[in-house]
Amino acid sequence: MRLLVCDTSNSNCSAGIFEDGKDICYELSFETLTHSETFMPLVHRIMLKAGMKHEDLDGYAVTVGPGSFTGIRIGLSAVKGMALASGKKCIAVSSTEALARSCENVTMTPREETLIVPAIDARNNRVFAQAAEDDTLKALLPENAYDADDLVSKIAKIPEIIYGKRRQIIVVGSGATVMKKAFEKAKSTLNIYYAPGAAIMPKGVALSAFSKGVMIDARDLKASYCAVSQAERLKKNG
């Protein structure tokens, strides 16, 4: 299966073409311009590099969140348009799972003894995150919006952490800095590594899509914000 994989859910955006899990070509953009300005030109460059047309694809995979509300909307709108125009279906991908799958455990502790926490900074001491087994990516705490202090408390209560089956934690993503402060505030004695520079890579989106993705009609793609927007909060308070 040949997919165009896309991510606009955070500060950088990316796209790539993968066939049966292997990359044909991909590109990341760290430009300061908005995704509305950079994403479609990036996709166009990828298609040209691969020498393909949209009719050559079997479908599209796109991160649906959580992350930047505006970025998610841009990505979903663009992918929906491309899919509907080409008559292809789509795969919705979790941003935190794609982040986890974008990273490799290079520590001395094996993956089966490691808990991975993909965390995206959501501001005001909040993160979009989940906690999962590093080897299977089975979620031990579900993807959601968490107060960082509350998440630290929940992680400490995971049975696999309490009984030492998972004796190491790796926190990856832009929320790692917030989580580090929360673990330090809690005076945690857990063995923790932080990778705040980790980002969602096209391979992470592709691995998520090929591992358990379900093809759906583009019209059924829905954002997974895991929180209400600032505008919605202000509207409720008004």
Protein backbone atom coordinates (compact mmCIF):
# COMPACT_ATOMS: atom_id res chain seq x y z
CA MET A 1 0.00 0.00 0.00
CA ARG A 2 1.30 3.43 -0.94
CA LEU A 3 0.41 6.35 1.33
CA LEU A 4 1.03 10.07 1.45
CA VAL A 5 1.60 10.69 5.18
CA CYS A 6 1.13 14.16 6.64
CA ASP A 7 1.55 16.03 9.92
CA THR A 8 0.65 19.63 10.71
CA SER A 9 -0.32 19.13 14.34
CA ASN A 10 2.65 20.98 15.86
CA SER A 11 5.20 23.71 15.14
CA ASN A 12 6.84 21.87 12.25
CA CYS A 13 4.98 20.19 9.43
CA SER A 14 5.94 17.25 7.26
CA ALA A 15 4.86 14.98 4.44
CA GLY A 16 6.23 11.85 2.86
CA ILE A 17 5.36 8.95 0.61
CA PHE A 18 5.70 5.47 2.10
CA GLU A 19 5.04 2.13 0.49
CA ASP A 20 4.38 -0.84 2.78
CA GLY A 21 6.13 1.01 5.61
CA LYS A 22 9.25 1.99 3.64
CA ASP A 23 9.93 5.58 2.71
CA ILE A 24 10.14 6.66 -0.92
CA CYS A 25 10.78 10.29 0.02
CA TYR A 26 9.80 12.75 2.73
CA GLU A 27 10.44 16.28 3.91
CA LEU A 28 10.12 18.27 7.13
CA SER A 29 9.56 22.01 7.30
CA PHE A 30 10.75 24.08 10.24
CA GLU A 31 9.95 27.39 8.55
CA THR A 32 8.51 30.21 10.64
CA LEU A 33 5.71 30.70 8.12
CA THR A 34 2.29 29.28 8.96
CA HIS A 35 1.32 25.77 7.87
CA SER A 36 -1.28 27.31 5.58
CA GLU A 37 1.63 28.79 3.62
CA THR A 38 4.09 25.89 3.77
CA PHE A 39 2.14 22.63 3.80
CA MET A 40 0.71 22.37 0.29
CA PRO A 41 3.96 23.53 -1.41
CA LEU A 42 5.74 20.85 0.66
CA VAL A 43 3.29 18.20 -0.54
CA HIS A 44 3.77 19.37 -4.12
CA ARG A 45 7.56 19.03 -3.79
CA ILE A 46 7.20 15.51 -2.38
CA MET A 47 4.99 14.40 -5.24
CA LEU A 48 7.45 15.83 -7.76
CA LYS A 49 10.42 14.13 -6.08
CA ALA A 50 8.61 10.80 -6.13
CA GLY A 51 7.50 11.33 -9.72
CA MET A 52 3.93 10.48 -8.73
CA LYS A 53 0.44 11.80 -9.12
CA HIS A 54 -2.29 11.54 -6.53
CA GLU A 55 -3.94 8.81 -8.62
CA ASP A 56 -0.82 6.68 -7.92
CA LEU A 57 -1.52 6.68 -4.19
CA ASP A 58 -3.66 4.17 -2.31
CA GLY A 59 -4.61 6.73 0.30
CA TYR A 60 -3.57 9.36 2.81
CA ALA A 61 -2.55 9.22 6.48
CA VAL A 62 -2.75 12.35 8.61
CA THR A 63 -2.30 13.22 12.27
CA VAL A 64 -5.62 14.32 13.72
CA GLY A 65 -4.28 15.60 17.05
CA PRO A 66 -3.92 16.44 19.77
CA GLY A 67 -1.71 19.45 19.21
CA SER A 68 -2.11 22.87 17.64
CA PHE A 69 -5.80 23.49 16.97
CA THR A 70 -5.06 25.65 13.94
CA GLY A 71 -2.42 23.28 12.59
CA ILE A 72 -4.73 20.28 12.90
CA ARG A 73 -7.50 22.10 11.04
CA ILE A 74 -5.13 23.05 8.22
CA GLY A 75 -3.86 19.50 7.80
CA LEU A 76 -7.28 17.89 7.92
CA SER A 77 -8.77 20.37 5.46
CA ALA A 78 -5.91 19.87 3.01
CA VAL A 79 -5.95 16.08 3.22
CA LYS A 80 -9.72 15.92 2.94
CA GLY A 81 -9.55 18.04 -0.20
CA MET A 82 -6.83 15.90 -1.79
CA ALA A 83 -8.57 12.65 -0.88
CA LEU A 84 -11.98 13.71 -2.14
CA ALA A 85 -10.50 15.06 -5.38
CA SER A 86 -8.56 11.85 -6.04
CA GLY A 87 -11.22 9.45 -4.78
CA LYS A 88 -8.93 7.94 -2.12
CA LYS A 89 -9.51 7.05 1.51
CA CYS A 90 -7.68 8.19 4.62
CA ILE A 91 -6.16 6.91 7.86
CA ALA A 92 -6.46 8.99 11.02
CA VAL A 93 -3.29 8.91 13.16
CA SER A 94 -2.84 9.93 16.80
CA SER A 95 -0.23 12.66 17.18
CA THR A 96 1.14 11.27 20.44
CA GLU A 97 1.42 7.77 18.98
CA ALA A 98 3.17 9.15 15.88
CA LEU A 99 5.54 11.01 18.20
CA ALA A 100 6.33 7.84 20.14
CA ARG A 101 6.90 5.88 16.93
CA SER A 102 9.23 8.63 15.67
CA CYS A 103 11.71 7.93 18.48
CA GLU A 104 14.16 5.11 19.14
CA ASN A 105 15.32 3.88 22.53
CA VAL A 106 19.12 4.14 22.45
CA THR A 107 19.62 3.66 26.18
CA MET A 108 21.10 0.55 27.77
CA THR A 109 17.70 -0.43 29.21
CA PRO A 110 15.69 -2.63 26.84
CA ARG A 111 12.37 -1.46 25.42
CA GLU A 112 10.40 -4.09 27.31
CA GLU A 113 11.54 -2.46 30.55
CA THR A 114 10.85 1.11 29.40
CA LEU A 115 7.79 3.35 29.63
CA ILE A 116 7.58 5.97 26.88
CA VAL A 117 5.69 9.20 27.47
CA PRO A 118 5.12 11.22 24.28
CA ALA A 119 4.22 14.70 25.53
CA ILE A 120 3.27 17.81 23.57
CA ASP A 121 3.38 21.17 25.35
CA ALA A 122 -0.16 22.54 25.74
CA ARG A 123 0.90 25.58 27.82
CA ASN A 124 -0.08 26.56 31.36
CA ASN A 125 1.62 23.46 32.83
CA ARG A 126 -0.49 21.19 30.60
CA VAL A 127 0.56 18.55 28.11
CA PHE A 128 -1.13 16.40 25.52
CA ALA A 129 0.28 13.01 26.34
CA GLN A 130 -0.08 9.31 26.92
CA ALA A 131 2.06 6.73 28.71
CA ALA A 132 2.75 3.49 26.87
CA GLU A 133 4.90 0.38 26.89
CA ASP A 134 7.90 1.21 24.74
CA ASP A 135 8.02 -2.20 23.08
CA THR A 136 4.33 -2.66 22.26
CA LEU A 137 3.03 0.94 22.52
CA LYS A 138 0.12 -0.40 24.54
CA ALA A 139 -1.28 2.64 26.34
CA LEU A 140 -1.12 2.39 30.13
CA LEU A 141 -2.48 5.94 30.44
CA PRO A 142 -4.73 7.06 27.57
CA GLU A 143 -4.04 9.97 25.27
CA ASN A 144 -5.51 13.11 26.82
CA ALA A 145 -4.82 16.63 28.01
CA TYR A 146 -3.16 16.44 31.43
CA ASP A 147 -1.92 18.85 34.04
CA ALA A 148 1.76 17.92 34.22
CA ASP A 149 1.71 17.48 38.01
CA ASP A 150 -1.36 15.24 37.78
CA LEU A 151 0.25 13.19 35.04
CA VAL A 152 3.37 12.63 37.15
CA SER A 153 1.14 11.39 39.97
CA LYS A 154 -0.75 9.05 37.62
CA ILE A 155 2.50 7.65 36.16
CA ALA A 156 3.79 6.86 39.66
CA LYS A 157 0.65 4.77 40.26
CA ILE A 158 0.97 2.62 37.12
CA PRO A 159 1.37 -0.99 38.38
CA GLU A 160 4.23 -1.69 35.96
CA ILE A 161 6.10 1.26 37.49
CA ILE A 162 5.21 0.36 41.10
CA TYR A 163 6.37 -3.24 40.74
CA GLY A 164 9.47 -2.42 38.69
CA LYS A 165 8.54 -4.10 35.42
CA ARG A 166 9.09 -0.77 33.69
CA ARG A 167 12.19 0.55 35.42
CA GLN A 168 12.90 3.43 33.05
CA ILE A 169 10.84 6.30 31.64
CA ILE A 170 11.61 8.24 28.46
CA VAL A 171 9.67 11.49 27.96
CA VAL A 172 9.78 12.73 24.38
CA GLY A 173 8.46 15.84 22.66
CA SER A 174 7.96 19.53 23.36
CA GLY A 175 6.25 18.73 26.65
CA ALA A 176 9.36 17.05 28.07
CA THR A 177 10.58 20.29 29.68
CA VAL A 178 7.27 20.79 31.48
CA MET A 179 7.26 17.15 32.59
CA LYS A 180 10.85 17.41 33.88
CA LYS A 181 9.82 20.29 36.17
CA ALA A 182 6.82 18.30 37.37
CA PHE A 183 8.89 15.18 38.15
CA GLU A 184 11.46 17.33 39.99
CA LYS A 185 8.69 19.09 41.94
CA ALA A 186 7.38 15.68 43.01
CA LYS A 187 10.91 14.67 44.04
CA SER A 188 10.57 11.57 41.89
CA THR A 189 13.23 8.89 42.30
CA LEU A 190 12.32 7.20 39.02
CA ASN A 191 14.95 6.72 36.31
CA ILE A 192 13.88 9.25 33.68
CA TYR A 193 15.34 10.50 30.40
CA TYR A 194 14.04 13.56 28.55
CA ALA A 195 14.11 14.32 24.83
CA PRO A 196 12.46 17.75 24.40
CA GLY A 197 13.77 18.07 20.85
CA ALA A 198 11.94 14.98 19.61
CA ALA A 199 9.41 15.75 16.89
CA ILE A 200 6.81 13.88 14.88
CA MET A 201 8.60 12.40 11.89
CA PRO A 202 6.98 11.12 8.68
CA LYS A 203 8.14 7.61 9.62
CA GLY A 204 6.21 7.88 12.90
CA VAL A 205 3.02 8.76 11.03
CA ALA A 206 3.67 5.97 8.53
CA LEU A 207 4.40 3.32 11.18
CA SER A 208 1.20 4.24 13.01
CA ALA A 209 -0.81 4.11 9.79
CA PHE A 210 0.58 0.80 8.57
CA SER A 211 0.46 -0.88 12.00
CA LYS A 212 -3.20 -0.48 12.81
CA GLY A 213 -4.66 2.20 10.61
CA VAL A 214 -8.20 1.82 9.28
CA MET A 215 -9.06 3.34 5.92
CA ILE A 216 -12.05 5.66 6.16
CA ASP A 217 -13.85 8.09 3.89
CA ALA A 218 -12.26 11.54 3.96
CA ARG A 219 -15.58 13.03 5.07
CA ASP A 220 -15.32 10.98 8.26
CA LEU A 221 -11.94 12.39 9.31
CA LYS A 222 -12.33 14.17 12.63
CA ALA A 223 -9.93 16.14 14.79
CA SER A 224 -8.94 14.78 18.21
CA TYR A 225 -8.28 17.95 20.19
CA CYS A 226 -8.48 16.40 23.70
CA ALA A 227 -9.34 19.90 24.96
CA VAL A 228 -11.49 22.90 24.15
CA SER A 229 -9.86 25.81 22.35
CA GLN A 230 -9.07 29.13 24.05
CA ALA A 231 -11.84 30.76 22.02
CA GLU A 232 -14.34 28.18 23.28
CA ARG A 233 -13.17 28.66 26.88
CA LEU A 234 -13.57 32.43 26.60
CA LYS A 235 -17.00 32.01 25.03
CA LYS A 236 -18.13 29.80 27.93
CA ASN A 237 -16.73 32.23 30.50
CA GLY A 238 -18.47 35.12 28.73
